[in-house]
C-alpha atoms as a PDB file:
ATOM      1  CA  MET A   1      24.418 -27.555  11.192  1.00  0.00           C
ATOM      2  CA  LYS A   2      23.256 -24.090  12.266  1.00  0.00           C
ATOM      3  CA  HIS A   3      24.098 -21.923  15.261  1.00  0.00           C
ATOM      4  CA  ILE A   4      20.742 -20.648  16.482  1.00  0.00           C
ATOM      5  CA  GLY A   5      19.799 -17.992  19.005  1.00  0.00           C
ATOM      6  CA  ILE A   6      16.531 -18.484  20.884  1.00  0.00           C
ATOM      7  CA  VAL A   7      14.457 -15.774  22.544  1.00  0.00           C
ATOM      8  CA  CYS A   8      11.655 -17.394  24.529  1.00  0.00           C
ATOM      9  CA  GLU A   9       9.424 -17.071  27.557  1.00  0.00           C
ATOM     10  CA  GLY A  10      11.228 -19.588  29.751  1.00  0.00           C
ATOM     11  CA  PRO A  11      13.836 -22.373  30.038  1.00  0.00           C
ATOM     12  CA  THR A  12      11.268 -25.144  29.502  1.00  0.00           C
ATOM     13  CA  ASP A  13      10.227 -23.587  26.183  1.00  0.00           C
ATOM     14  CA  TYR A  14      13.906 -23.497  25.228  1.00  0.00           C
ATOM     15  CA  ILE A  15      14.280 -27.215  25.948  1.00  0.00           C
ATOM     16  CA  ILE A  16      11.317 -28.154  23.743  1.00  0.00           C
ATOM     17  CA  LEU A  17      12.285 -25.774  20.933  1.00  0.00           C
ATOM     18  CA  LYS A  18      15.833 -27.153  20.702  1.00  0.00           C
ATOM     19  CA  GLY A  19      14.579 -30.698  20.284  1.00  0.00           C
ATOM     20  CA  VAL A  20      11.887 -29.746  17.794  1.00  0.00           C
ATOM     21  CA  ILE A  21      14.262 -27.648  15.672  1.00  0.00           C
ATOM     22  CA  ASN A  22      16.712 -30.553  15.482  1.00  0.00           C
ATOM     23  CA  ARG A  23      13.829 -32.834  14.479  1.00  0.00           C
ATOM     24  CA  ILE A  24      12.625 -30.468  11.752  1.00  0.00           C
ATOM     25  CA  THR A  25      16.060 -29.749  10.294  1.00  0.00           C
ATOM     26  CA  GLY A  26      17.406 -33.276  10.689  1.00  0.00           C
ATOM     27  CA  GLU A  27      20.591 -31.848  12.211  1.00  0.00           C
ATOM     28  CA  GLU A  28      22.183 -31.489  15.635  1.00  0.00           C
ATOM     29  CA  ASN A  29      22.310 -27.722  15.743  1.00  0.00           C
ATOM     30  CA  THR A  30      23.973 -25.587  18.407  1.00  0.00           C
ATOM     31  CA  TYR A  31      22.034 -23.060  20.448  1.00  0.00           C
ATOM     32  CA  VAL A  32      22.281 -19.957  22.587  1.00  0.00           C
ATOM     33  CA  MET A  33      19.452 -18.957  24.930  1.00  0.00           C
ATOM     34  CA  LEU A  34      19.474 -15.187  24.538  1.00  0.00           C
ATOM     35  CA  GLN A  35      16.304 -14.658  26.573  1.00  0.00           C
ATOM     36  CA  PRO A  36      15.648 -15.409  29.374  1.00  0.00           C
ATOM     37  CA  GLU A  37      19.123 -15.451  30.846  1.00  0.00           C
ATOM     38  CA  ASP A  38      20.149 -18.710  32.472  1.00  0.00           C
ATOM     39  CA  ASP A  39      19.370 -17.737  36.053  1.00  0.00           C
ATOM     40  CA  LEU A  40      16.199 -15.769  35.193  1.00  0.00           C
ATOM     41  CA  THR A  41      17.602 -12.736  37.054  1.00  0.00           C
ATOM     42  CA  GLY A  42      18.649 -10.771  33.981  1.00  0.00           C
ATOM     43  CA  LYS A  43      17.289  -7.314  33.300  1.00  0.00           C
ATOM     44  CA  TYR A  44      14.365  -8.642  31.236  1.00  0.00           C
ATOM     45  CA  GLY A  45      13.129 -11.405  33.535  1.00  0.00           C
ATOM     46  CA  ASN A  46      11.131 -14.246  32.006  1.00  0.00           C
ATOM     47  CA  GLY A  47       7.668 -14.632  30.502  1.00  0.00           C
ATOM     48  CA  TRP A  48       6.129 -12.816  27.551  1.00  0.00           C
ATOM     49  CA  LYS A  49       7.051  -9.380  28.901  1.00  0.00           C
ATOM     50  CA  GLY A  50      10.692 -10.435  28.930  1.00  0.00           C
ATOM     51  CA  VAL A  51      10.407 -11.396  25.246  1.00  0.00           C
ATOM     52  CA  TRP A  52       8.772  -8.051  24.463  1.00  0.00           C
ATOM     53  CA  LYS A  53      11.488  -6.085  26.289  1.00  0.00           C
ATOM     54  CA  TRP A  54      14.284  -8.054  24.618  1.00  0.00           C
ATOM     55  CA  CYS A  55      12.843  -7.457  21.149  1.00  0.00           C
ATOM     56  CA  HIS A  56      12.197  -3.781  21.855  1.00  0.00           C
ATOM     57  CA  ASP A  57      15.680  -3.102  23.242  1.00  0.00           C
ATOM     58  CA  ASN A  58      17.637  -5.155  20.703  1.00  0.00           C
ATOM     59  CA  ALA A  59      15.726  -4.504  17.468  1.00  0.00           C
ATOM     60  CA  SER A  60      18.113  -1.829  16.201  1.00  0.00           C
ATOM     61  CA  ILE A  61      21.222  -3.898  16.995  1.00  0.00           C
ATOM     62  CA  ARG A  62      19.813  -7.350  16.228  1.00  0.00           C
ATOM     63  CA  LYS A  63      22.076  -8.051  13.254  1.00  0.00           C
ATOM     64  CA  GLU A  64      25.171  -6.815  15.078  1.00  0.00           C
ATOM     65  CA  LEU A  65      24.233  -8.901  18.109  1.00  0.00           C
ATOM     66  CA  MET A  66      23.901 -12.011  15.954  1.00  0.00           C
ATOM     67  CA  LYS A  67      27.384 -11.416  14.543  1.00  0.00           C
ATOM     68  CA  ASP A  68      28.945 -10.671  17.928  1.00  0.00           C
ATOM     69  CA  VAL A  69      27.994 -14.066  19.368  1.00  0.00           C
ATOM     70  CA  TRP A  70      30.736 -16.640  18.763  1.00  0.00           C
ATOM     71  CA  PRO A  71      30.257 -18.457  16.546  1.00  0.00           C
ATOM     72  CA  ALA A  72      27.967 -15.996  14.792  1.00  0.00           C
ATOM     73  CA  LEU A  73      24.274 -16.858  14.799  1.00  0.00           C
ATOM     74  CA  ASP A  74      22.786 -18.153  11.558  1.00  0.00           C
ATOM     75  CA  LEU A  75      19.244 -17.344  12.595  1.00  0.00           C
ATOM     76  CA  LEU A  76      17.040 -16.275  15.454  1.00  0.00           C
ATOM     77  CA  VAL A  77      13.961 -18.075  16.802  1.00  0.00           C
ATOM     78  CA  VAL A  78      11.541 -15.956  18.838  1.00  0.00           C
ATOM     79  CA  GLN A  79       8.770 -17.672  20.823  1.00  0.00           C
ATOM     80  CA  MET A  80       5.678 -16.329  22.531  1.00  0.00           C
ATOM     81  CA  ASP A  81       2.729 -18.463  23.631  1.00  0.00           C
ATOM     82  CA  GLY A  82      -0.640 -17.906  22.001  1.00  0.00           C
ATOM     83  CA  ASP A  83      -2.319 -17.536  25.387  1.00  0.00           C
ATOM     84  CA  VAL A  84      -0.756 -14.076  25.583  1.00  0.00           C
ATOM     85  CA  SER A  85      -3.149 -12.884  22.882  1.00  0.00           C
ATOM     86  CA  ARG A  86      -6.016 -14.754  24.519  1.00  0.00           C
ATOM     87  CA  LYS A  87      -5.691 -13.356  28.038  1.00  0.00           C
ATOM     88  CA  GLU A  88      -3.275 -10.395  28.244  1.00  0.00           C
ATOM     89  CA  LYS A  89      -4.927  -7.024  27.686  1.00  0.00           C
ATOM     90  CA  SER A  90      -1.582  -5.234  27.311  1.00  0.00           C
ATOM     91  CA  VAL A  91      -0.809  -6.776  23.918  1.00  0.00           C
ATOM     92  CA  HIS A  92      -4.046  -5.356  22.539  1.00  0.00           C
ATOM     93  CA  CYS A  93      -3.090  -1.750  23.313  1.00  0.00           C
ATOM     94  CA  TRP A  94      -1.684  -1.459  19.792  1.00  0.00           C
ATOM     95  CA  CYS A  95      -4.858  -2.741  18.107  1.00  0.00           C
ATOM     96  CA  GLU A  96      -6.740  -0.291  15.897  1.00  0.00           C
ATOM     97  CA  THR A  97      -9.970  -1.172  17.681  1.00  0.00           C
ATOM     98  CA  THR A  98      -8.576  -0.086  21.054  1.00  0.00           C
ATOM     99  CA  GLN A  99      -9.749   3.380  22.049  1.00  0.00           C
ATOM    100  CA  CYS A 100      -7.725   4.587  25.030  1.00  0.00           C
ATOM    101  CA  SER A 101      -7.006   8.165  26.101  1.00  0.00           C
ATOM    102  CA  HIS A 102      -3.605   7.036  27.434  1.00  0.00           C
ATOM    103  CA  LYS A 103      -2.582   5.133  24.284  1.00  0.00           C
ATOM    104  CA  ASP A 104       0.446   7.321  23.522  1.00  0.00           C
ATOM    105  CA  GLU A 105       1.092   8.260  27.143  1.00  0.00           C
ATOM    106  CA  TRP A 106       1.493   5.005  29.082  1.00  0.00           C
ATOM    107  CA  ASN A 107       3.745   2.075  28.294  1.00  0.00           C
ATOM    108  CA  PRO A 108       1.345  -0.857  27.713  1.00  0.00           C
ATOM    109  CA  LEU A 109       3.591  -3.142  29.757  1.00  0.00           C
ATOM    110  CA  GLU A 110       3.061  -0.906  32.772  1.00  0.00           C
ATOM    111  CA  CYS A 111      -0.715  -0.621  32.460  1.00  0.00           C
ATOM    112  CA  ASP A 112      -1.232  -3.251  35.157  1.00  0.00           C
ATOM    113  CA  SER A 113       1.304  -1.707  37.541  1.00  0.00           C
ATOM    114  CA  SER A 114      -1.315   0.038  39.665  1.00  0.00           C
ATOM    115  CA  PRO A 115      -5.033  -0.330  40.499  1.00  0.00           C
ATOM    116  CA  LEU A 116      -5.738   3.018  38.817  1.00  0.00           C
ATOM    117  CA  ARG A 117      -4.281   1.899  35.516  1.00  0.00           C
ATOM    118  CA  ARG A 118      -5.897  -1.528  35.674  1.00  0.00           C
ATOM    119  CA  ASP A 119      -9.308  -0.056  36.433  1.00  0.00           C
ATOM    120  CA  SER A 120      -9.062   2.523  33.646  1.00  0.00           C
ATOM    121  CA  CYS A 121      -8.163  -0.009  30.932  1.00  0.00           C
ATOM    122  CA  PRO A 122     -10.909   0.029  28.274  1.00  0.00           C
ATOM    123  CA  ILE A 123      -9.873  -3.253  26.627  1.00  0.00           C
ATOM    124  CA  ILE A 124     -12.396  -6.073  26.697  1.00  0.00           C
ATOM    125  CA  LEU A 125     -11.342  -9.580  25.720  1.00  0.00           C
ATOM    126  CA  PRO A 126     -11.700 -11.178  23.289  1.00  0.00           C
ATOM    127  CA  CYS A 127     -10.430  -8.221  21.294  1.00  0.00           C
ATOM    128  CA  PRO A 128     -12.716  -7.373  18.345  1.00  0.00           C
ATOM    129  CA  GLY A 129      -9.621  -6.688  16.242  1.00  0.00           C
ATOM    130  CA  HIS A 130      -8.692 -10.378  16.018  1.00  0.00           C
ATOM    131  CA  GLU A 131     -10.388 -13.725  15.724  1.00  0.00           C
ATOM    132  CA  ALA A 132     -10.459 -15.575  19.040  1.00  0.00           C
ATOM    133  CA  SER A 133      -8.910 -18.644  17.425  1.00  0.00           C
ATOM    134  CA  VAL A 134      -5.540 -20.324  17.018  1.00  0.00           C
ATOM    135  CA  GLY A 135      -5.054 -18.606  13.675  1.00  0.00           C
ATOM    136  CA  GLY A 136      -6.168 -15.273  15.108  1.00  0.00           C
ATOM    137  CA  TYR A 137      -3.806 -15.468  18.075  1.00  0.00           C
ATOM    138  CA  MET A 138      -0.896 -16.445  15.835  1.00  0.00           C
ATOM    139  CA  LEU A 139      -1.566 -13.668  13.342  1.00  0.00           C
ATOM    140  CA  HIS A 140      -1.853 -11.082  16.102  1.00  0.00           C
ATOM    141  CA  LEU A 141       1.338 -12.001  17.966  1.00  0.00           C
ATOM    142  CA  LYS A 142       3.445 -12.670  14.878  1.00  0.00           C
ATOM    143  CA  GLY A 143       2.511  -9.221  13.622  1.00  0.00           C
ATOM    144  CA  LEU A 144       3.432  -7.603  16.933  1.00  0.00           C
ATOM    145  CA  LEU A 145       6.759  -9.415  17.213  1.00  0.00           C
ATOM    146  CA  ALA A 146       7.683  -8.561  13.627  1.00  0.00           C
ATOM    147  CA  GLU A 147       6.923  -4.909  14.373  1.00  0.00           C
ATOM    148  CA  TRP A 148       8.932  -4.940  17.599  1.00  0.00           C
ATOM    149  CA  LEU A 149      11.889  -6.644  15.876  1.00  0.00           C
ATOM    150  CA  GLU A 150      11.857  -4.136  12.983  1.00  0.00           C
ATOM    151  CA  GLY A 151      12.435  -6.911  10.447  1.00  0.00           C
ATOM    152  CA  THR A 152      12.378 -10.704  10.379  1.00  0.00           C
ATOM    153  CA  GLU A 153      14.438 -11.707   7.354  1.00  0.00           C
ATOM    154  CA  ASP A 154      16.754 -13.825   9.545  1.00  0.00           C
ATOM    155  CA  THR A 155      14.203 -14.634  12.234  1.00  0.00           C
ATOM    156  CA  CYS A 156      11.599 -17.352  12.728  1.00  0.00           C
ATOM    157  CA  ILE A 157       8.663 -16.431  14.960  1.00  0.00           C
ATOM    158  CA  VAL A 158       6.818 -19.273  16.678  1.00  0.00           C
ATOM    159  CA  ILE A 159       3.508 -18.943  18.547  1.00  0.00           C
ATOM    160  CA  PRO A 160       2.630 -22.292  20.186  1.00  0.00           C
ATOM    161  CA  CYS A 161      -1.078 -22.402  21.012  1.00  0.00           C
ATOM    162  CA  ASP A 162      -2.306 -22.325  23.728  1.00  0.00           C
ATOM    163  CA  SER A 163       1.294 -22.773  24.890  1.00  0.00           C
ATOM    164  CA  THR A 164       4.322 -24.969  24.188  1.00  0.00           C
ATOM    165  CA  GLU A 165       2.797 -27.562  26.522  1.00  0.00           C
ATOM    166  CA  ALA A 166       0.021 -28.139  23.968  1.00  0.00           C
ATOM    167  CA  TRP A 167       2.627 -29.743  21.713  1.00  0.00           C
ATOM    168  CA  VAL A 168       3.595 -32.053  24.572  1.00  0.00           C
ATOM    169  CA  VAL A 169      -0.036 -33.082  25.083  1.00  0.00           C
ATOM    170  CA  ALA A 170      -0.461 -33.615  21.336  1.00  0.00           C
ATOM    171  CA  ALA A 171       2.597 -35.887  21.284  1.00  0.00           C
ATOM    172  CA  TYR A 172       1.511 -37.979  24.268  1.00  0.00           C
ATOM    173  CA  ASP A 173      -2.292 -38.010  24.088  1.00  0.00           C
ATOM    174  CA  GLN A 174      -2.874 -37.232  20.398  1.00  0.00           C
ATOM    175  CA  MET A 175      -6.195 -35.553  21.147  1.00  0.00           C
ATOM    176  CA  GLU A 176      -8.170 -33.430  18.713  1.00  0.00           C
ATOM    177  CA  ASN A 177      -8.504 -29.682  19.267  1.00  0.00           C
ATOM    178  CA  VAL A 178      -5.593 -29.720  21.708  1.00  0.00           C
ATOM    179  CA  GLU A 179      -4.716 -26.104  20.882  1.00  0.00           C
ATOM    180  CA  THR A 180      -8.072 -24.918  22.223  1.00  0.00           C
ATOM    181  CA  ILE A 181      -7.389 -26.319  25.703  1.00  0.00           C
ATOM    182  CA  GLU A 182      -6.531 -23.425  27.987  1.00  0.00           C
ATOM    183  CA  ALA A 183      -3.474 -23.808  30.237  1.00  0.00           C
ATOM    184  CA  PRO A 184      -2.597 -27.418  29.280  1.00  0.00           C
ATOM    185  CA  TRP A 185       0.181 -27.548  31.870  1.00  0.00           C
ATOM    186  CA  GLU A 186      -2.192 -26.897  34.768  1.00  0.00           C
ATOM    187  CA  HIS A 187      -5.230 -28.720  33.408  1.00  0.00           C
ATOM    188  CA  ILE A 188      -3.596 -31.819  31.898  1.00  0.00           C
ATOM    189  CA  ILE A 189       0.132 -32.351  32.452  1.00  0.00           C
ATOM    190  CA  ALA A 190       0.378 -31.233  36.095  1.00  0.00           C
ATOM    191  CA  HIS A 191      -3.138 -32.321  37.021  1.00  0.00           C
ATOM    192  CA  GLY A 192      -1.805 -35.401  38.822  1.00  0.00           C
ATOM    193  CA  LYS A 193       1.418 -36.740  40.318  1.00  0.00           C
ATOM    194  CA  PHE A 194       2.354 -38.444  37.044  1.00  0.00           C
ATOM    195  CA  TYR A 195       1.865 -37.551  33.407  1.00  0.00           C
ATOM    196  CA  HIS A 196       2.134 -40.902  31.664  1.00  0.00           C
ATOM    197  CA  ASP A 197       5.439 -42.217  33.075  1.00  0.00           C
ATOM    198  CA  VAL A 198       6.874 -38.801  33.992  1.00  0.00           C
ATOM    199  CA  ARG A 199       6.671 -37.761  37.642  1.00  0.00           C
ATOM    200  CA  ILE A 200       5.258 -34.250  38.112  1.00  0.00           C
ATOM    201  CA  PRO A 201       6.254 -32.916  41.573  1.00  0.00           C
ATOM    202  CA  GLY A 202       3.864 -29.979  41.858  1.00  0.00           C
ATOM    203  CA  GLN A 203       2.786 -27.163  39.582  1.00  0.00           C
ATOM    204  CA  LYS A 204       6.213 -25.638  38.971  1.00  0.00           C
ATOM    205  CA  LYS A 205       7.613 -26.206  35.488  1.00  0.00           C
ATOM    206  CA  ARG A 206      11.033 -27.811  35.749  1.00  0.00           C
ATOM    207  CA  VAL A 207      13.659 -28.243  33.039  1.00  0.00           C
ATOM    208  CA  ARG A 208      14.364 -31.861  34.010  1.00  0.00           C
ATOM    209  CA  ILE A 209      10.692 -32.720  33.454  1.00  0.00           C
ATOM    210  CA  PHE A 210      10.665 -31.175  30.006  1.00  0.00           C
ATOM    211  CA  GLU A 211      13.915 -32.915  29.104  1.00  0.00           C
ATOM    212  CA  GLN A 212      11.968 -36.162  29.509  1.00  0.00           C
ATOM    213  CA  PHE A 213       9.222 -34.873  27.207  1.00  0.00           C
ATOM    214  CA  VAL A 214      11.560 -33.991  24.323  1.00  0.00           C
ATOM    215  CA  PRO A 215      12.142 -37.523  22.914  1.00  0.00           C
ATOM    216  CA  VAL A 216       8.391 -38.231  22.797  1.00  0.00           C
ATOM    217  CA  VAL A 217       7.592 -34.870  21.195  1.00  0.00           C
ATOM    218  CA  CYS A 218      10.270 -35.423  18.553  1.00  0.00           C
ATOM    219  CA  GLU A 219       9.305 -39.052  17.909  1.00  0.00           C
ATOM    220  CA  ASN A 220       5.678 -38.034  17.392  1.00  0.00           C
ATOM    221  CA  TRP A 221       6.352 -34.691  15.700  1.00  0.00           C
ATOM    222  CA  SER A 222       4.469 -35.633  12.540  1.00  0.00           C
ATOM    223  CA  LYS A 223       1.380 -36.259  14.695  1.00  0.00           C
ATOM    224  CA  VAL A 224       1.945 -32.968  16.523  1.00  0.00           C
ATOM    225  CA  THR A 225       1.982 -31.077  13.227  1.00  0.00           C
ATOM    226  CA  GLU A 226      -1.141 -32.930  12.146  1.00  0.00           C
ATOM    227  CA  LEU A 227      -2.990 -31.857  15.292  1.00  0.00           C
ATOM    228  CA  CYS A 228      -1.487 -28.401  15.867  1.00  0.00           C
ATOM    229  CA  GLU A 229      -1.756 -25.517  13.422  1.00  0.00           C
ATOM    230  CA  SER A 230       0.938 -23.641  15.347  1.00  0.00           C
ATOM    231  CA  ALA A 231       3.387 -26.553  14.986  1.00  0.00           C
ATOM    232  CA  ARG A 232       2.745 -26.757  11.236  1.00  0.00           C
ATOM    233  CA  ASP A 233       3.285 -23.026  10.919  1.00  0.00           C
ATOM    234  CA  PHE A 234       6.569 -23.212  12.819  1.00  0.00           C
ATOM    235  CA  GLU A 235       7.873 -26.093  10.716  1.00  0.00           C
ATOM    236  CA  LYS A 236       7.031 -24.303   7.476  1.00  0.00           C
ATOM    237  CA  ALA A 237       8.575 -21.011   8.606  1.00  0.00           C
ATOM    238  CA  LEU A 238      11.736 -22.676   9.908  1.00  0.00           C
ATOM    239  CA  LEU A 239      12.324 -24.740   6.767  1.00  0.00           C
ATOM    240  CA  ALA A 240      11.985 -21.577   4.689  1.00  0.00           C
ATOM    241  CA  LEU A 241      14.960 -20.110   6.584  1.00  0.00           C
ATOM    242  CA  VAL A 242      17.287 -23.092   6.750  1.00  0.00           C
END
């Protein structure tokens, strides 16, 4: 059994990751959600920018932080959805192909903070520095996160594509090319009042809904890894650490 810290975009990602990690390792591990904080009002907020800020601020003290948690953390899992590479210009500011006169002047996370900055952004998506594919999105974001963390020897980076919800759809519907479906929560899971036998009360992602998804995702995990390159990559990377 491991004590695992998770840095992720939101509480629903945390719920799915816990179940999947237990399924992969065959153990009932214990977990700490380091990011976002439980009430989502911490200094980093939620979403991919919260993950970026956490990694940036804690990179130099990551090992000390892992030891300070009681019991000490055995490893860290850091999650960011692949759709960030697909649709967020800010994460392409670091790309070699990006030519921007403000590259070393403005914080990329603040480039959309005003109309002036948004209008002056030279980035056009898809970025020519990466393949617009599942593999391309994973490679891009894993590289960025590894750079932000300043080392990943005790860390497993996971990039679900297009998002963690794609794994849910793969488990339930077992459809081909599920990782190429944009926004699977909006377009598939929350498209109606029910998703299979799970009631979906609106577009908001709720922890209690995802708690109902976990058993099905875990039961059908072998099918999820068959259909999802990002799930296979996560399983391989995690097993290499544990």
